[in-house]
Amino acid sequence: MNFAVIGAGAWGTAMAVHLSKLGHTVTLVPRRFEQALQLSSARENPDYLPGITLPPSMQIGHELVPVMMEAEVVLLACPAQALRETASRLKDSLALATELKLVISLAKGLELGTHDRPSQVIHSVLPDTPVGCLTGPTNAGEVGQGLPAAMVLAAKGEDELLARVQSQISGPSLRVYTSSDLIGAEVGGCLKNIYAIGAGICDGLKLGDNTKAAMLTRALAEMVRVGAGLGAQAETFYGLSGFGDLVATCHGGWSRNRQFGEKLGQGASIDELMSGRITVVEGYKTTESFHELCRDRKIEAPIMNEIYQTLFADKSPALALQDLMLRELKRE
């Protein structure tokens, strides 16, 4: 198939490398012209995915119109807060995108203000285009290296198309499952970043394995409760897009969200951690969005609430933990 990957961060680059190795026609489209020139000449993405060589067959584009004229599947690999603007850039070239069959989001976060999931953001901008998400416990560096991994491709009412794209993305190093629970797949991918910050705080405070295991177990229960309250299927959260992604992100040394929480637990300030970053900590803004959404929907999410208080109300991580431990006792 002909794939266009819009966004040349770590994850977009890794997926473009993976798809190129499978023999597909792949064009990676960075946002900045300067980055496109750098990738074309160096055949590496040193800022976001160092050490991974870009296959000779992978094309580097910059202008969207010629790329969209031939693309069958578009992967949007940008932060959640940039998704609406990125989808709007595609809109102008849709009239020429005669081969386009599916737009897939790789983002894991809710949009601030609207509280929209990635697929909802895309659909609001591109209402006549089938939309899905690709999510699961995958680290960009490992996917770029070709280490074995598994993911979920979710969309509503696109079974035949989904099965075809599933077969095209899957290969010896990446096994893709399909799901019709688009809400659950996206909510799981968003929520795990919030709890990864909490897991990192546990690491930063050096609280030990017992604390972290208890927090993650109760976080999974909270994910199911929040997801069900938003219309997702509970069983989705026990799969790759829920439990799988939660485990990987909360334990992986590579996880930006976990690292962010760890440094918070060690005493760093939010301003210190956010200034000068070139990579995005999706869980930071997503915590704010989900906290507002759960408050509006009256969904109980105590762990998320304490993480929110730590990030946005200057509550100390130690006090947040104490308040969780002293909540009213209940049955599991």
C-alpha atoms as a PDB file:
ATOM      1  CA  MET A   1       0.000   0.000   0.000  1.00  0.00           C
ATOM      2  CA  ASN A   2       0.953   3.633  -0.232  1.00  0.00           C
ATOM      3  CA  PHE A   3       1.383   5.160   3.240  1.00  0.00           C
ATOM      4  CA  ALA A   4       1.920   8.783   4.221  1.00  0.00           C
ATOM      5  CA  VAL A   5       3.199   9.470   7.742  1.00  0.00           C
ATOM      6  CA  ILE A   6       2.559  13.075   8.753  1.00  0.00           C
ATOM      7  CA  GLY A   7       4.897  14.095  11.556  1.00  0.00           C
ATOM      8  CA  ALA A   8       8.540  13.095  11.942  1.00  0.00           C
ATOM      9  CA  GLY A   9       8.920  12.732  15.677  1.00  0.00           C
ATOM     10  CA  ALA A  10      10.144   9.465  17.179  1.00  0.00           C
ATOM     11  CA  TRP A  11       6.931   7.532  16.669  1.00  0.00           C
ATOM     12  CA  GLY A  12       6.170   8.769  13.171  1.00  0.00           C
ATOM     13  CA  THR A  13       9.727   8.010  12.084  1.00  0.00           C
ATOM     14  CA  ALA A  14       9.651   4.534  13.640  1.00  0.00           C
ATOM     15  CA  MET A  15       6.388   3.635  11.904  1.00  0.00           C
ATOM     16  CA  ALA A  16       7.694   4.940   8.576  1.00  0.00           C
ATOM     17  CA  VAL A  17      10.828   2.782   8.975  1.00  0.00           C
ATOM     18  CA  HIS A  18       8.724  -0.271   9.858  1.00  0.00           C
ATOM     19  CA  LEU A  19       6.383   0.155   6.894  1.00  0.00           C
ATOM     20  CA  SER A  20       9.278   0.758   4.505  1.00  0.00           C
ATOM     21  CA  LYS A  21      10.957  -2.464   5.616  1.00  0.00           C
ATOM     22  CA  LEU A  22       7.735  -4.310   4.756  1.00  0.00           C
ATOM     23  CA  GLY A  23       8.054  -3.098   1.172  1.00  0.00           C
ATOM     24  CA  HIS A  24       5.323  -0.438   1.140  1.00  0.00           C
ATOM     25  CA  THR A  25       5.609   2.926  -0.564  1.00  0.00           C
ATOM     26  CA  VAL A  26       6.136   5.295   2.371  1.00  0.00           C
ATOM     27  CA  THR A  27       6.508   9.060   2.534  1.00  0.00           C
ATOM     28  CA  LEU A  28       7.486  10.669   5.831  1.00  0.00           C
ATOM     29  CA  VAL A  29       6.381  14.301   6.016  1.00  0.00           C
ATOM     30  CA  PRO A  30       8.050  16.476   8.690  1.00  0.00           C
ATOM     31  CA  ARG A  31       6.384  19.720   9.663  1.00  0.00           C
ATOM     32  CA  ARG A  32       9.465  21.835   9.072  1.00  0.00           C
ATOM     33  CA  PHE A  33      11.199  22.120   5.702  1.00  0.00           C
ATOM     34  CA  GLU A  34      14.584  22.240   7.457  1.00  0.00           C
ATOM     35  CA  GLN A  35      13.921  18.900   9.109  1.00  0.00           C
ATOM     36  CA  ALA A  36      12.916  17.385   5.767  1.00  0.00           C
ATOM     37  CA  LEU A  37      16.250  18.475   4.294  1.00  0.00           C
ATOM     38  CA  GLN A  38      18.134  17.072   7.296  1.00  0.00           C
ATOM     39  CA  LEU A  39      16.391  13.695   7.104  1.00  0.00           C
ATOM     40  CA  SER A  40      16.933  13.475   3.355  1.00  0.00           C
ATOM     41  CA  SER A  41      20.656  14.131   3.585  1.00  0.00           C
ATOM     42  CA  ALA A  42      21.525  12.312   6.836  1.00  0.00           C
ATOM     43  CA  ARG A  43      19.070   9.388   6.387  1.00  0.00           C
ATOM     44  CA  GLU A  44      18.622   9.489  10.157  1.00  0.00           C
ATOM     45  CA  ASN A  45      16.463  11.453  12.619  1.00  0.00           C
ATOM     46  CA  PRO A  46      19.077  12.442  15.222  1.00  0.00           C
ATOM     47  CA  ASP A  47      16.742  14.677  17.248  1.00  0.00           C
ATOM     48  CA  TYR A  48      13.980  12.120  17.808  1.00  0.00           C
ATOM     49  CA  LEU A  49      15.176   8.636  16.800  1.00  0.00           C
ATOM     50  CA  PRO A  50      18.988   8.572  16.796  1.00  0.00           C
ATOM     51  CA  GLY A  51      20.796   5.473  15.631  1.00  0.00           C
ATOM     52  CA  ILE A  52      18.032   4.231  13.304  1.00  0.00           C
ATOM     53  CA  THR A  53      18.898   4.403   9.602  1.00  0.00           C
ATOM     54  CA  LEU A  54      16.091   5.492   7.297  1.00  0.00           C
ATOM     55  CA  PRO A  55      15.674   2.877   4.524  1.00  0.00           C
ATOM     56  CA  PRO A  56      16.726   4.055   1.034  1.00  0.00           C
ATOM     57  CA  SER A  57      13.204   3.376  -0.237  1.00  0.00           C
ATOM     58  CA  MET A  58      11.582   5.770   2.262  1.00  0.00           C
ATOM     59  CA  GLN A  59      10.663   9.082   0.699  1.00  0.00           C
ATOM     60  CA  ILE A  60      10.901  12.352   2.611  1.00  0.00           C
ATOM     61  CA  GLY A  61       8.265  14.896   1.634  1.00  0.00           C
ATOM     62  CA  HIS A  62       7.282  18.375   2.691  1.00  0.00           C
ATOM     63  CA  GLU A  63       4.444  19.529   0.441  1.00  0.00           C
ATOM     64  CA  LEU A  64       1.237  17.702   1.390  1.00  0.00           C
ATOM     65  CA  VAL A  65      -0.590  17.946  -1.934  1.00  0.00           C
ATOM     66  CA  PRO A  66       1.649  15.613  -3.985  1.00  0.00           C
ATOM     67  CA  VAL A  67       1.886  13.178  -1.069  1.00  0.00           C
ATOM     68  CA  MET A  68      -1.888  13.057  -0.580  1.00  0.00           C
ATOM     69  CA  MET A  69      -2.522  12.513  -4.303  1.00  0.00           C
ATOM     70  CA  GLU A  70      -1.160   8.968  -4.007  1.00  0.00           C
ATOM     71  CA  ALA A  71      -1.637   8.045  -0.347  1.00  0.00           C
ATOM     72  CA  GLU A  72      -4.034   5.214   0.527  1.00  0.00           C
ATOM     73  CA  VAL A  73      -3.481   5.371   4.296  1.00  0.00           C
ATOM     74  CA  VAL A  74      -2.394   8.449   6.245  1.00  0.00           C
ATOM     75  CA  LEU A  75      -0.884   8.146   9.722  1.00  0.00           C
ATOM     76  CA  LEU A  76      -1.052  11.329  11.800  1.00  0.00           C
ATOM     77  CA  ALA A  77       1.943  11.188  14.124  1.00  0.00           C
ATOM     78  CA  CYS A  78       1.697  14.459  16.010  1.00  0.00           C
ATOM     79  CA  PRO A  79       0.943  15.428  19.634  1.00  0.00           C
ATOM     80  CA  ALA A  80      -2.725  15.450  20.594  1.00  0.00           C
ATOM     81  CA  GLN A  81      -2.785  19.234  21.026  1.00  0.00           C
ATOM     82  CA  ALA A  82      -1.486  19.699  17.453  1.00  0.00           C
ATOM     83  CA  LEU A  83      -3.870  17.200  15.874  1.00  0.00           C
ATOM     84  CA  ARG A  84      -6.613  19.632  14.856  1.00  0.00           C
ATOM     85  CA  GLU A  85      -4.155  21.916  13.115  1.00  0.00           C
ATOM     86  CA  THR A  86      -2.489  18.954  11.378  1.00  0.00           C
ATOM     87  CA  ALA A  87      -5.832  17.576  10.178  1.00  0.00           C
ATOM     88  CA  SER A  88      -6.738  21.065   8.914  1.00  0.00           C
ATOM     89  CA  ARG A  89      -3.573  21.077   6.815  1.00  0.00           C
ATOM     90  CA  LEU A  90      -4.756  17.849   5.167  1.00  0.00           C
ATOM     91  CA  LYS A  91      -8.194  19.235   4.418  1.00  0.00           C
ATOM     92  CA  ASP A  92      -7.016  21.462   1.587  1.00  0.00           C
ATOM     93  CA  SER A  93      -5.571  18.492  -0.313  1.00  0.00           C
ATOM     94  CA  LEU A  94      -8.488  16.073   0.173  1.00  0.00           C
ATOM     95  CA  ALA A  95     -10.063  16.881  -3.186  1.00  0.00           C
ATOM     96  CA  LEU A  96      -6.963  15.431  -4.862  1.00  0.00           C
ATOM     97  CA  ALA A  97      -6.644  12.459  -2.472  1.00  0.00           C
ATOM     98  CA  THR A  98      -8.548  10.081  -4.725  1.00  0.00           C
ATOM     99  CA  GLU A  99      -6.846   6.952  -3.330  1.00  0.00           C
ATOM    100  CA  LEU A 100      -7.302   7.786   0.376  1.00  0.00           C
ATOM    101  CA  LYS A 101      -9.050   5.022   2.326  1.00  0.00           C
ATOM    102  CA  LEU A 102      -8.222   5.632   5.985  1.00  0.00           C
ATOM    103  CA  VAL A 103      -6.691   8.233   8.309  1.00  0.00           C
ATOM    104  CA  ILE A 104      -5.093   6.713  11.411  1.00  0.00           C
ATOM    105  CA  SER A 105      -4.217   8.642  14.560  1.00  0.00           C
ATOM    106  CA  LEU A 106      -1.089   7.741  16.511  1.00  0.00           C
ATOM    107  CA  ALA A 107      -1.769  10.415  19.159  1.00  0.00           C
ATOM    108  CA  LYS A 108      -2.495   9.520  22.792  1.00  0.00           C
ATOM    109  CA  GLY A 109      -4.183  12.433  24.504  1.00  0.00           C
ATOM    110  CA  LEU A 110      -7.399  14.440  24.827  1.00  0.00           C
ATOM    111  CA  GLU A 111      -7.703  17.865  23.251  1.00  0.00           C
ATOM    112  CA  LEU A 112      -7.817  20.662  25.813  1.00  0.00           C
ATOM    113  CA  GLY A 113     -11.092  22.550  25.953  1.00  0.00           C
ATOM    114  CA  THR A 114     -13.168  20.170  23.831  1.00  0.00           C
ATOM    115  CA  HIS A 115     -12.026  16.988  25.649  1.00  0.00           C
ATOM    116  CA  ASP A 116     -12.223  15.276  22.241  1.00  0.00           C
ATOM    117  CA  ARG A 117     -10.421  12.023  21.564  1.00  0.00           C
ATOM    118  CA  PRO A 118      -7.990  12.032  18.596  1.00  0.00           C
ATOM    119  CA  SER A 119     -10.460  10.364  16.229  1.00  0.00           C
ATOM    120  CA  GLN A 120     -13.151  12.886  17.202  1.00  0.00           C
ATOM    121  CA  VAL A 121     -10.786  15.767  16.441  1.00  0.00           C
ATOM    122  CA  ILE A 122      -9.952  14.318  13.036  1.00  0.00           C
ATOM    123  CA  HIS A 123     -13.595  13.531  12.238  1.00  0.00           C
ATOM    124  CA  SER A 124     -14.655  17.080  13.108  1.00  0.00           C
ATOM    125  CA  VAL A 125     -12.177  18.421  10.536  1.00  0.00           C
ATOM    126  CA  LEU A 126     -12.471  15.603   7.951  1.00  0.00           C
ATOM    127  CA  PRO A 127     -16.064  14.395   8.428  1.00  0.00           C
ATOM    128  CA  ASP A 128     -16.230  12.266   5.265  1.00  0.00           C
ATOM    129  CA  THR A 129     -12.994  10.343   5.816  1.00  0.00           C
ATOM    130  CA  PRO A 130     -12.841   6.975   7.664  1.00  0.00           C
ATOM    131  CA  VAL A 131     -10.808   7.407  10.851  1.00  0.00           C
ATOM    132  CA  GLY A 132      -9.089   4.932  13.168  1.00  0.00           C
ATOM    133  CA  CYS A 133      -6.327   4.742  15.747  1.00  0.00           C
ATOM    134  CA  LEU A 134      -3.231   2.584  16.124  1.00  0.00           C
ATOM    135  CA  THR A 135      -2.210   2.119  19.728  1.00  0.00           C
ATOM    136  CA  GLY A 136      -0.584  -0.265  22.191  1.00  0.00           C
ATOM    137  CA  PRO A 137       2.567  -0.952  24.223  1.00  0.00           C
ATOM    138  CA  THR A 138       5.179   0.197  21.732  1.00  0.00           C
ATOM    139  CA  ASN A 139       8.378   2.160  22.233  1.00  0.00           C
ATOM    140  CA  ALA A 140       9.481   3.976  19.080  1.00  0.00           C
ATOM    141  CA  GLY A 141      13.130   2.983  19.428  1.00  0.00           C
ATOM    142  CA  GLU A 142      12.311  -0.718  19.700  1.00  0.00           C
ATOM    143  CA  VAL A 143       9.906  -0.596  16.752  1.00  0.00           C
ATOM    144  CA  GLY A 144      12.553   1.207  14.726  1.00  0.00           C
ATOM    145  CA  GLN A 145      15.045  -1.550  15.578  1.00  0.00           C
ATOM    146  CA  GLY A 146      12.569  -4.223  14.516  1.00  0.00           C
ATOM    147  CA  LEU A 147      12.111  -5.794  17.968  1.00  0.00           C
ATOM    148  CA  PRO A 148       8.865  -7.821  18.355  1.00  0.00           C
ATOM    149  CA  ALA A 149       5.773  -5.851  19.411  1.00  0.00           C
ATOM    150  CA  ALA A 150       1.977  -5.954  19.186  1.00  0.00           C
ATOM    151  CA  MET A 151      -0.617  -3.203  18.667  1.00  0.00           C
ATOM    152  CA  VAL A 152      -4.339  -2.616  18.179  1.00  0.00           C
ATOM    153  CA  LEU A 153      -5.881  -0.975  15.118  1.00  0.00           C
ATOM    154  CA  ALA A 154      -9.337   0.314  16.048  1.00  0.00           C
ATOM    155  CA  ALA A 155     -12.133   1.874  14.014  1.00  0.00           C
ATOM    156  CA  LYS A 156     -15.920   1.840  13.907  1.00  0.00           C
ATOM    157  CA  GLY A 157     -17.782   0.013  11.154  1.00  0.00           C
ATOM    158  CA  GLU A 158     -14.819  -0.480   8.828  1.00  0.00           C
ATOM    159  CA  ASP A 159     -14.284  -4.234   9.228  1.00  0.00           C
ATOM    160  CA  GLU A 160     -13.208  -5.089   5.672  1.00  0.00           C
ATOM    161  CA  LEU A 161     -10.952  -2.060   5.332  1.00  0.00           C
ATOM    162  CA  LEU A 162      -9.550  -2.583   8.820  1.00  0.00           C
ATOM    163  CA  ALA A 163      -8.653  -6.197   8.054  1.00  0.00           C
ATOM    164  CA  ARG A 164      -6.819  -5.142   4.902  1.00  0.00           C
ATOM    165  CA  VAL A 165      -4.822  -2.419   6.630  1.00  0.00           C
ATOM    166  CA  GLN A 166      -4.128  -4.802   9.534  1.00  0.00           C
ATOM    167  CA  SER A 167      -2.532  -7.285   7.125  1.00  0.00           C
ATOM    168  CA  GLN A 168      -0.446  -4.553   5.496  1.00  0.00           C
ATOM    169  CA  ILE A 169       0.921  -3.119   8.760  1.00  0.00           C
ATOM    170  CA  SER A 170       1.627  -6.504  10.348  1.00  0.00           C
ATOM    171  CA  GLY A 171       4.903  -8.295   9.758  1.00  0.00           C
ATOM    172  CA  PRO A 172       7.581 -10.442  11.426  1.00  0.00           C
ATOM    173  CA  SER A 173       8.298  -7.781  14.067  1.00  0.00           C
ATOM    174  CA  LEU A 174       4.853  -6.207  14.568  1.00  0.00           C
ATOM    175  CA  ARG A 175       1.597  -8.090  15.103  1.00  0.00           C
ATOM    176  CA  VAL A 176      -1.548  -5.964  14.759  1.00  0.00           C
ATOM    177  CA  TYR A 177      -4.949  -6.871  16.190  1.00  0.00           C
ATOM    178  CA  THR A 178      -8.194  -5.111  15.257  1.00  0.00           C
ATOM    179  CA  SER A 179     -10.966  -3.721  17.452  1.00  0.00           C
ATOM    180  CA  SER A 180     -14.281  -2.006  16.884  1.00  0.00           C
ATOM    181  CA  ASP A 181     -14.064  -0.296  20.295  1.00  0.00           C
ATOM    182  CA  LEU A 182     -12.492   2.937  19.096  1.00  0.00           C
ATOM    183  CA  ILE A 183     -13.484   4.745  22.302  1.00  0.00           C
ATOM    184  CA  GLY A 184     -11.827   2.168  24.543  1.00  0.00           C
ATOM    185  CA  ALA A 185      -8.651   1.923  22.471  1.00  0.00           C
ATOM    186  CA  GLU A 186      -8.171   5.685  22.485  1.00  0.00           C
ATOM    187  CA  VAL A 187      -9.156   6.241  26.119  1.00  0.00           C
ATOM    188  CA  GLY A 188      -6.737   3.519  27.242  1.00  0.00           C
ATOM    189  CA  GLY A 189      -3.915   5.070  25.258  1.00  0.00           C
ATOM    190  CA  CYS A 190      -4.636   8.465  26.805  1.00  0.00           C
ATOM    191  CA  LEU A 191      -5.114   7.355  30.406  1.00  0.00           C
ATOM    192  CA  LYS A 192      -1.972   5.252  30.660  1.00  0.00           C
ATOM    193  CA  ASN A 193       0.143   8.392  30.205  1.00  0.00           C
ATOM    194  CA  ILE A 194      -1.483   9.919  33.285  1.00  0.00           C
ATOM    195  CA  TYR A 195      -0.793   6.872  35.439  1.00  0.00           C
ATOM    196  CA  ALA A 196       2.743   6.629  34.051  1.00  0.00           C
ATOM    197  CA  ILE A 197       3.400  10.015  35.646  1.00  0.00           C
ATOM    198  CA  GLY A 198       2.103   8.535  38.914  1.00  0.00           C
ATOM    199  CA  ALA A 199       4.348   5.488  38.518  1.00  0.00           C
ATOM    200  CA  GLY A 200       7.303   7.776  37.923  1.00  0.00           C
ATOM    201  CA  ILE A 201       6.472   9.718  41.075  1.00  0.00           C
ATOM    202  CA  CYS A 202       6.601   6.417  42.990  1.00  0.00           C
ATOM    203  CA  ASP A 203      10.039   5.758  41.479  1.00  0.00           C
ATOM    204  CA  GLY A 204      11.237   9.277  42.298  1.00  0.00           C
ATOM    205  CA  LEU A 205      10.114   8.950  45.907  1.00  0.00           C
ATOM    206  CA  LYS A 206      11.789   5.497  46.079  1.00  0.00           C
ATOM    207  CA  LEU A 207       8.640   3.922  47.482  1.00  0.00           C
ATOM    208  CA  GLY A 208       9.441   0.392  46.348  1.00  0.00           C
ATOM    209  CA  ASP A 209       7.769  -2.326  44.311  1.00  0.00           C
ATOM    210  CA  ASN A 210       4.798  -2.832  46.643  1.00  0.00           C
ATOM    211  CA  THR A 211       3.650   0.765  46.258  1.00  0.00           C
ATOM    212  CA  LYS A 212       4.057   0.812  42.500  1.00  0.00           C
ATOM    213  CA  ALA A 213       2.268  -2.521  42.051  1.00  0.00           C
ATOM    214  CA  ALA A 214      -0.640  -1.366  44.208  1.00  0.00           C
ATOM    215  CA  MET A 215      -0.891   1.947  42.359  1.00  0.00           C
ATOM    216  CA  LEU A 216      -0.908   0.280  38.930  1.00  0.00           C
ATOM    217  CA  THR A 217      -3.470  -2.314  39.968  1.00  0.00           C
ATOM    218  CA  ARG A 218      -5.844   0.356  41.232  1.00  0.00           C
ATOM    219  CA  ALA A 219      -5.031   2.513  38.186  1.00  0.00           C
ATOM    220  CA  LEU A 220      -6.259  -0.279  35.923  1.00  0.00           C
ATOM    221  CA  ALA A 221      -9.511  -0.454  37.906  1.00  0.00           C
ATOM    222  CA  GLU A 222      -9.809   3.307  37.545  1.00  0.00           C
ATOM    223  CA  MET A 223      -9.174   3.088  33.792  1.00  0.00           C
ATOM    224  CA  VAL A 224     -12.032   0.604  33.439  1.00  0.00           C
ATOM    225  CA  ARG A 225     -14.364   2.822  35.472  1.00  0.00           C
ATOM    226  CA  VAL A 226     -13.485   5.975  33.544  1.00  0.00           C
ATOM    227  CA  GLY A 227     -13.652   4.194  30.211  1.00  0.00           C
ATOM    228  CA  ALA A 228     -17.035   2.635  30.931  1.00  0.00           C
ATOM    229  CA  GLY A 229     -18.311   6.044  31.980  1.00  0.00           C
ATOM    230  CA  LEU A 230     -17.272   7.394  28.591  1.00  0.00           C
ATOM    231  CA  GLY A 231     -18.916   4.603  26.582  1.00  0.00           C
ATOM    232  CA  ALA A 232     -16.028   2.156  26.156  1.00  0.00           C
ATOM    233  CA  GLN A 233     -16.164  -1.609  26.589  1.00  0.00           C
ATOM    234  CA  ALA A 234     -14.599  -2.740  29.869  1.00  0.00           C
ATOM    235  CA  GLU A 235     -12.784  -5.725  28.304  1.00  0.00           C
ATOM    236  CA  THR A 236     -10.793  -3.411  26.018  1.00  0.00           C
ATOM    237  CA  PHE A 237      -8.805  -2.175  29.015  1.00  0.00           C
ATOM    238  CA  TYR A 238      -7.523  -5.661  29.754  1.00  0.00           C
ATOM    239  CA  GLY A 239      -5.911  -5.843  26.311  1.00  0.00           C
ATOM    240  CA  LEU A 240      -2.975  -4.227  24.554  1.00  0.00           C
ATOM    241  CA  SER A 241      -4.404  -0.706  24.449  1.00  0.00           C
ATOM    242  CA  GLY A 242      -5.156  -0.738  28.182  1.00  0.00           C
ATOM    243  CA  PHE A 243      -3.220  -3.071  30.484  1.00  0.00           C
ATOM    244  CA  GLY A 244      -0.466  -3.685  27.922  1.00  0.00           C
ATOM    245  CA  ASP A 245       0.242  -0.013  27.325  1.00  0.00           C
ATOM    246  CA  LEU A 246      -0.055   0.738  31.048  1.00  0.00           C
ATOM    247  CA  VAL A 247       2.595  -1.845  31.963  1.00  0.00           C
ATOM    248  CA  ALA A 248       5.025  -0.767  29.247  1.00  0.00           C
ATOM    249  CA  THR A 249       4.737   2.966  29.898  1.00  0.00           C
ATOM    250  CA  CYS A 250       4.852   2.722  33.676  1.00  0.00           C
ATOM    251  CA  HIS A 251       7.951   0.485  33.743  1.00  0.00           C
ATOM    252  CA  GLY A 252       9.919   1.462  30.630  1.00  0.00           C
ATOM    253  CA  GLY A 253      13.031   3.508  31.253  1.00  0.00           C
ATOM    254  CA  TRP A 254      12.335   5.191  27.880  1.00  0.00           C
ATOM    255  CA  SER A 255       8.881   6.466  28.894  1.00  0.00           C
ATOM    256  CA  ARG A 256       8.809  10.283  28.844  1.00  0.00           C
ATOM    257  CA  ASN A 257       5.762  10.341  31.114  1.00  0.00           C
ATOM    258  CA  ARG A 258       7.354   8.022  33.677  1.00  0.00           C
ATOM    259  CA  GLN A 259      10.612   9.997  33.565  1.00  0.00           C
ATOM    260  CA  PHE A 260       8.658  13.222  34.046  1.00  0.00           C
ATOM    261  CA  GLY A 261       6.941  11.802  37.139  1.00  0.00           C
ATOM    262  CA  GLU A 262      10.197  10.427  38.508  1.00  0.00           C
ATOM    263  CA  LYS A 263      11.855  13.830  38.369  1.00  0.00           C
ATOM    264  CA  LEU A 264       8.784  15.357  40.054  1.00  0.00           C
ATOM    265  CA  GLY A 265       9.120  12.799  42.826  1.00  0.00           C
ATOM    266  CA  GLN A 266      12.781  13.740  43.181  1.00  0.00           C
ATOM    267  CA  GLY A 267      11.827  17.366  43.739  1.00  0.00           C
ATOM    268  CA  ALA A 268      12.065  19.004  40.308  1.00  0.00           C
ATOM    269  CA  SER A 269       9.543  21.722  39.483  1.00  0.00           C
ATOM    270  CA  ILE A 270       7.069  21.677  36.591  1.00  0.00           C
ATOM    271  CA  ASP A 271       8.729  24.760  35.083  1.00  0.00           C
ATOM    272  CA  GLU A 272      12.126  23.071  35.140  1.00  0.00           C
ATOM    273  CA  LEU A 273      10.789  19.958  33.463  1.00  0.00           C
ATOM    274  CA  MET A 274       8.762  21.703  30.750  1.00  0.00           C
ATOM    275  CA  SER A 275      11.232  24.402  29.682  1.00  0.00           C
ATOM    276  CA  GLY A 276      13.319  23.703  26.609  1.00  0.00           C
ATOM    277  CA  ARG A 277      11.757  20.333  25.783  1.00  0.00           C
ATOM    278  CA  ILE A 278      11.701  19.151  22.167  1.00  0.00           C
ATOM    279  CA  THR A 279       9.644  16.046  23.004  1.00  0.00           C
ATOM    280  CA  VAL A 280       6.094  16.095  24.371  1.00  0.00           C
ATOM    281  CA  VAL A 281       4.926  14.674  27.714  1.00  0.00           C
ATOM    282  CA  GLU A 282       1.386  13.806  26.577  1.00  0.00           C
ATOM    283  CA  GLY A 283       0.250  12.892  30.077  1.00  0.00           C
ATOM    284  CA  TYR A 284       0.697  16.440  31.377  1.00  0.00           C
ATOM    285  CA  LYS A 285      -2.020  18.129  29.308  1.00  0.00           C
ATOM    286  CA  THR A 286      -4.066  14.926  29.182  1.00  0.00           C
ATOM    287  CA  THR A 287      -4.306  14.936  32.986  1.00  0.00           C
ATOM    288  CA  GLU A 288      -5.852  18.393  32.828  1.00  0.00           C
ATOM    289  CA  SER A 289      -8.338  17.372  30.118  1.00  0.00           C
ATOM    290  CA  PHE A 290      -9.388  14.123  31.766  1.00  0.00           C
ATOM    291  CA  HIS A 291      -9.720  15.734  35.192  1.00  0.00           C
ATOM    292  CA  GLU A 292     -12.152  18.274  33.760  1.00  0.00           C
ATOM    293  CA  LEU A 293     -14.025  15.588  31.830  1.00  0.00           C
ATOM    294  CA  CYS A 294     -14.391  13.279  34.844  1.00  0.00           C
ATOM    295  CA  ARG A 295     -15.502  16.202  36.991  1.00  0.00           C
ATOM    296  CA  ASP A 296     -18.138  17.176  34.434  1.00  0.00           C
ATOM    297  CA  ARG A 297     -19.340  13.573  34.026  1.00  0.00           C
ATOM    298  CA  LYS A 298     -19.137  12.897  37.792  1.00  0.00           C
ATOM    299  CA  ILE A 299     -16.811   9.912  37.276  1.00  0.00           C
ATOM    300  CA  GLU A 300     -14.800   8.964  40.367  1.00  0.00           C
ATOM    301  CA  ALA A 301     -11.058   8.886  39.626  1.00  0.00           C
ATOM    302  CA  PRO A 302      -9.088   9.439  42.869  1.00  0.00           C
ATOM    303  CA  ILE A 303      -5.643   8.519  41.537  1.00  0.00           C
ATOM    304  CA  MET A 304      -6.051  10.817  38.565  1.00  0.00           C
ATOM    305  CA  ASN A 305      -7.296  13.556  40.869  1.00  0.00           C
ATOM    306  CA  GLU A 306      -4.198  13.368  43.054  1.00  0.00           C
ATOM    307  CA  ILE A 307      -1.917  13.438  40.007  1.00  0.00           C
ATOM    308  CA  TYR A 308      -3.829  16.493  38.791  1.00  0.00           C
ATOM    309  CA  GLN A 309      -3.404  18.185  42.174  1.00  0.00           C
ATOM    310  CA  THR A 310       0.316  17.496  42.018  1.00  0.00           C
ATOM    311  CA  LEU A 311       0.695  18.867  38.481  1.00  0.00           C
ATOM    312  CA  PHE A 312      -1.646  21.849  38.598  1.00  0.00           C
ATOM    313  CA  ALA A 313      -2.294  22.758  42.259  1.00  0.00           C
ATOM    314  CA  ASP A 314       1.229  22.573  43.742  1.00  0.00           C
ATOM    315  CA  LYS A 315       0.355  19.619  45.959  1.00  0.00           C
ATOM    316  CA  SER A 316       3.407  17.701  47.101  1.00  0.00           C
ATOM    317  CA  PRO A 317       3.676  14.137  45.739  1.00  0.00           C
ATOM    318  CA  ALA A 318       4.145  12.797  49.259  1.00  0.00           C
ATOM    319  CA  LEU A 319       0.916  14.438  50.475  1.00  0.00           C
ATOM    320  CA  ALA A 320      -0.960  13.175  47.410  1.00  0.00           C
ATOM    321  CA  LEU A 321       0.129   9.629  48.248  1.00  0.00           C
ATOM    322  CA  GLN A 322      -0.858  10.057  51.892  1.00  0.00           C
ATOM    323  CA  ASP A 323      -4.348  11.257  50.906  1.00  0.00           C
ATOM    324  CA  LEU A 324      -4.789   8.222  48.645  1.00  0.00           C
ATOM    325  CA  MET A 325      -3.748   5.853  51.433  1.00  0.00           C
ATOM    326  CA  LEU A 326      -6.142   7.448  53.936  1.00  0.00           C
ATOM    327  CA  ARG A 327      -9.247   7.375  51.751  1.00  0.00           C
ATOM    328  CA  GLU A 328     -12.319   5.584  53.113  1.00  0.00           C
ATOM    329  CA  LEU A 329     -11.771   1.815  53.203  1.00  0.00           C
ATOM    330  CA  LYS A 330     -13.833  -0.313  50.813  1.00  0.00           C
ATOM    331  CA  ARG A 331     -14.161  -3.719  49.156  1.00  0.00           C
ATOM    332  CA  GLU A 332     -11.989  -4.398  46.126  1.00  0.00           C
END
